[in-house]
Amino acid sequence: MKSIVVLISGRGSNLEAILKARLPVKVAAVISNNPQAKGLAIARAHGIEALTLDRKQFASREAFDAELASRIAVFKPDLIALAGFMLILGDVFVERFANRIINIHPSLLPAFPGLDTHARALQVGVKIHGCTVHFVTPKLDHGPIIIQAAVPVLAVDNETTLAARVLKQEHRIYPQAIRWFTEDRLVIENRGVRVIGAKAEHMALFSPGVDE
């Protein structure tokens, strides 16, 4: 059975979705840069080792990344899943675990990389918004895309309502992407990802319902 380490910074809702999906994978550890992250309690409730590594205690990002990489290496994970991890990882870290780090981002990449995605989507008046699971590369939020899910943007939406609708889709597609990885079905080619045996419609999910 393959193993993963999950990195979080906050409430851990995507971590919880991964655990509830009962994937054929062992979550070896959960690591947070935030000692107050609520997701740590979720990990401990499931009997998973939960660690904190406070970025503020390190003189540089490079020093933090080096220690984080050492902590992760102890568990020898097949995959590192960023689940609301709010720090940018440096090139050395990303290259050490190349093609073994995935992230869930709250927009339809390449649109709206970085922060404040929902506010930016509303500001420019897009009609479709969503989320993306992608491999992590040194260029922020530009790695090969594994799966996406789209939701309609409603005239009455604000950041809160739109974020809630997108989050439901995050909880659907992140476990799916991890399942594909653990089944050795993801092939990176031509700066994209091919899923062995998956139909095209399974890689881009549209949720037309207002309540989704």
Protein backbone atom coordinates (compact mmCIF):
# COMPACT_ATOMS: atom_id res chain seq x y z
CA MET A 1 0.00 0.00 0.00
CA LYS A 2 1.30 3.43 -0.92
CA SER A 3 1.68 6.12 1.72
CA ILE A 4 1.19 9.87 1.71
CA VAL A 5 2.12 12.82 3.90
CA VAL A 6 -0.42 15.64 3.99
CA LEU A 7 0.66 19.25 4.58
CA ILE A 8 -1.91 21.67 6.02
CA SER A 9 -2.12 25.16 7.47
CA GLY A 10 -5.69 25.47 8.70
CA ARG A 11 -9.00 23.74 9.24
CA GLY A 12 -8.12 20.54 7.37
CA SER A 13 -11.36 20.13 5.41
CA ASN A 14 -9.57 18.58 2.43
CA LEU A 15 -7.62 16.32 4.78
CA GLU A 16 -10.94 15.18 6.23
CA ALA A 17 -12.31 14.56 2.74
CA ILE A 18 -9.28 12.42 1.92
CA LEU A 19 -9.75 10.37 5.09
CA LYS A 20 -13.49 9.95 4.55
CA ALA A 21 -12.89 8.66 1.03
CA ARG A 22 -11.28 5.52 2.49
CA LEU A 23 -8.63 5.42 -0.21
CA PRO A 24 -6.30 2.44 -0.57
CA VAL A 25 -3.47 4.50 0.88
CA LYS A 26 -1.86 5.05 4.26
CA VAL A 27 -1.75 8.63 5.53
CA ALA A 28 1.59 8.34 7.29
CA ALA A 29 1.65 11.82 8.79
CA VAL A 30 0.08 15.26 8.75
CA ILE A 31 2.43 18.24 9.07
CA SER A 32 1.38 21.85 9.62
CA ASN A 33 3.32 25.10 9.62
CA ASN A 34 0.63 26.44 11.97
CA PRO A 35 0.64 25.02 15.52
CA GLN A 36 -3.00 26.12 15.90
CA ALA A 37 -4.26 24.41 12.74
CA LYS A 38 -7.56 22.65 13.46
CA GLY A 39 -6.64 19.94 11.00
CA LEU A 40 -4.07 18.58 13.43
CA ALA A 41 -6.90 17.45 15.71
CA ILE A 42 -8.54 15.68 12.77
CA ALA A 43 -5.33 13.77 12.13
CA ARG A 44 -4.93 12.76 15.77
CA ALA A 45 -8.56 11.65 15.96
CA HIS A 46 -7.75 9.19 13.16
CA GLY A 47 -4.61 7.94 14.90
CA ILE A 48 -2.31 9.71 12.44
CA GLU A 49 0.95 11.27 13.58
CA ALA A 50 0.50 15.05 13.55
CA LEU A 51 3.52 17.34 13.58
CA THR A 52 4.07 21.09 13.54
CA LEU A 53 6.94 22.99 12.02
CA ASP A 54 6.58 26.72 12.61
CA ARG A 55 8.07 28.79 9.78
CA LYS A 56 8.59 31.67 12.23
CA GLN A 57 11.22 29.63 14.04
CA PHE A 58 13.50 29.53 11.00
CA ALA A 59 15.81 32.25 9.76
CA SER A 60 15.06 31.60 6.10
CA ARG A 61 12.68 29.78 3.81
CA GLU A 62 15.56 27.57 2.72
CA ALA A 63 16.19 26.45 6.29
CA PHE A 64 12.50 25.74 6.81
CA ASP A 65 12.26 23.80 3.56
CA ALA A 66 15.32 21.72 4.44
CA GLU A 67 13.89 20.76 7.83
CA LEU A 68 10.47 20.04 6.34
CA ALA A 69 12.03 17.80 3.71
CA SER A 70 13.95 15.92 6.42
CA ARG A 71 10.80 15.41 8.49
CA ILE A 72 8.90 14.14 5.47
CA ALA A 73 11.71 11.82 4.37
CA VAL A 74 11.42 9.90 7.66
CA PHE A 75 8.04 8.60 6.51
CA LYS A 76 9.25 7.66 3.01
CA PRO A 77 5.96 8.73 1.37
CA ASP A 78 5.06 7.95 -2.19
CA LEU A 79 3.14 11.23 -2.38
CA ILE A 80 3.01 14.59 -0.63
CA ALA A 81 -0.44 16.18 -0.72
CA LEU A 82 -0.74 19.90 -0.06
CA ALA A 83 -4.18 20.42 1.45
CA GLY A 84 -4.55 24.09 2.23
CA PHE A 85 -0.82 24.49 2.87
CA MET A 86 -0.31 28.24 2.73
CA LEU A 87 3.45 28.46 2.24
CA ILE A 88 5.32 28.52 -1.03
CA LEU A 89 7.86 25.72 -1.24
CA GLY A 90 11.26 26.53 -2.69
CA ASP A 91 12.73 25.07 -5.86
CA VAL A 92 15.15 22.75 -4.02
CA PHE A 93 12.31 21.17 -2.05
CA VAL A 94 10.08 20.79 -5.11
CA GLU A 95 12.85 19.28 -7.20
CA ARG A 96 13.77 16.80 -4.45
CA PHE A 97 10.22 15.41 -4.54
CA ALA A 98 9.59 16.01 -8.24
CA ASN A 99 6.36 14.45 -9.56
CA ARG A 100 5.47 13.37 -6.02
CA ILE A 101 3.80 16.58 -4.79
CA ILE A 102 0.23 17.54 -5.67
CA ASN A 103 -1.86 20.53 -4.67
CA ILE A 104 -5.52 21.55 -4.66
CA HIS A 105 -6.04 25.13 -5.86
CA PRO A 106 -9.35 27.05 -5.68
CA SER A 107 -9.56 28.21 -9.29
CA LEU A 108 -9.61 26.78 -12.78
CA LEU A 109 -5.91 27.08 -13.49
CA PRO A 110 -4.22 28.70 -15.26
CA ALA A 111 -6.76 31.37 -14.30
CA PHE A 112 -6.22 33.09 -10.95
CA PRO A 113 -3.02 31.53 -9.59
CA GLY A 114 -2.01 32.62 -6.11
CA LEU A 115 -4.28 34.06 -3.43
CA ASP A 116 -7.75 35.66 -3.28
CA THR A 117 -9.05 33.59 -6.16
CA HIS A 118 -12.74 33.98 -5.39
CA ALA A 119 -12.58 37.76 -5.01
CA ARG A 120 -10.63 38.05 -8.26
CA ALA A 121 -13.10 35.82 -10.09
CA LEU A 122 -16.00 37.99 -8.94
CA GLN A 123 -14.16 41.20 -9.79
CA VAL A 124 -13.69 40.26 -13.43
CA GLY A 125 -17.17 38.77 -13.77
CA VAL A 126 -16.39 35.22 -14.85
CA LYS A 127 -19.38 32.94 -15.32
CA ILE A 128 -17.54 29.73 -14.46
CA HIS A 129 -15.18 29.19 -11.53
CA GLY A 130 -13.86 26.06 -9.84
CA CYS A 131 -10.84 24.17 -8.56
CA THR A 132 -7.83 22.27 -9.84
CA VAL A 133 -5.62 19.44 -8.64
CA HIS A 134 -2.16 19.70 -10.17
CA PHE A 135 1.39 18.50 -9.74
CA VAL A 136 3.60 21.04 -8.00
CA THR A 137 6.50 22.53 -9.96
CA PRO A 138 8.86 25.41 -9.16
CA LYS A 139 6.54 27.83 -10.99
CA LEU A 140 3.67 28.62 -8.62
CA ASP A 141 0.32 27.05 -9.58
CA HIS A 142 1.51 26.14 -13.08
CA GLY A 143 2.19 22.41 -12.76
CA PRO A 144 0.56 19.73 -14.93
CA ILE A 145 -3.18 19.57 -14.29
CA ILE A 146 -4.65 16.27 -13.10
CA ILE A 147 -8.34 17.07 -12.69
CA GLN A 148 -10.62 20.11 -12.48
CA ALA A 149 -14.18 20.80 -11.38
CA ALA A 150 -16.26 23.81 -12.41
CA VAL A 151 -19.18 25.57 -10.78
CA PRO A 152 -21.43 28.39 -12.03
CA VAL A 153 -20.89 31.88 -10.68
CA LEU A 154 -24.27 33.27 -9.69
CA ALA A 155 -25.37 36.90 -9.83
CA VAL A 156 -26.02 36.82 -6.07
CA ASP A 157 -22.65 35.31 -5.17
CA ASN A 158 -20.17 36.86 -2.80
CA GLU A 159 -16.78 35.48 -1.81
CA THR A 160 -18.26 33.33 0.94
CA THR A 161 -20.97 31.66 -1.11
CA LEU A 162 -18.70 31.09 -4.09
CA ALA A 163 -15.93 29.68 -1.90
CA ALA A 164 -18.37 27.26 -0.27
CA ARG A 165 -19.57 25.98 -3.64
CA VAL A 166 -16.02 25.49 -4.86
CA LEU A 167 -14.97 23.77 -1.64
CA LYS A 168 -17.57 21.05 -2.16
CA GLN A 169 -15.94 20.28 -5.48
CA GLU A 170 -12.47 20.29 -3.92
CA HIS A 171 -13.68 17.55 -1.59
CA ARG A 172 -14.79 15.51 -4.62
CA ILE A 173 -11.78 15.79 -6.88
CA TYR A 174 -8.84 15.70 -4.47
CA PRO A 175 -9.51 12.16 -3.25
CA GLN A 176 -10.03 11.12 -6.88
CA ALA A 177 -6.64 12.50 -7.91
CA ILE A 178 -4.95 10.73 -5.00
CA ARG A 179 -6.68 7.48 -5.90
CA TRP A 180 -5.38 7.72 -9.47
CA PHE A 181 -1.86 8.42 -8.20
CA THR A 182 -1.86 5.46 -5.84
CA GLU A 183 -3.13 3.24 -8.66
CA ASP A 184 -0.19 4.34 -10.87
CA ARG A 185 -2.60 5.78 -13.42
CA LEU A 186 -1.13 9.28 -13.80
CA VAL A 187 1.31 9.87 -16.65
CA ILE A 188 2.88 13.31 -17.11
CA GLU A 189 3.41 14.00 -20.79
CA ASN A 190 3.54 17.08 -23.00
CA ARG A 191 3.20 19.33 -19.92
CA GLY A 192 -0.14 17.68 -19.15
CA VAL A 193 -1.38 14.60 -17.33
CA ARG A 194 -2.89 11.53 -18.93
CA VAL A 195 -4.98 9.30 -16.69
CA ILE A 196 -4.70 5.70 -17.79
CA GLY A 197 -8.14 4.24 -18.39
CA ALA A 198 -10.05 7.44 -17.56
CA LYS A 199 -12.54 9.02 -19.93
CA ALA A 200 -12.14 12.70 -20.74
CA GLU A 201 -15.32 13.63 -18.89
CA HIS A 202 -13.90 12.23 -15.66
CA MET A 203 -11.00 14.70 -15.76
CA ALA A 204 -13.13 17.86 -16.04
CA LEU A 205 -16.28 17.79 -13.93
CA PHE A 206 -19.03 20.41 -14.28
CA SER A 207 -21.50 20.92 -11.51
CA PRO A 208 -24.48 22.83 -12.92
CA GLY A 209 -26.65 22.78 -9.81
CA VAL A 210 -26.92 25.89 -7.65
CA ASP A 211 -26.66 23.79 -4.50
CA GLU A 212 -23.46 22.01 -5.51
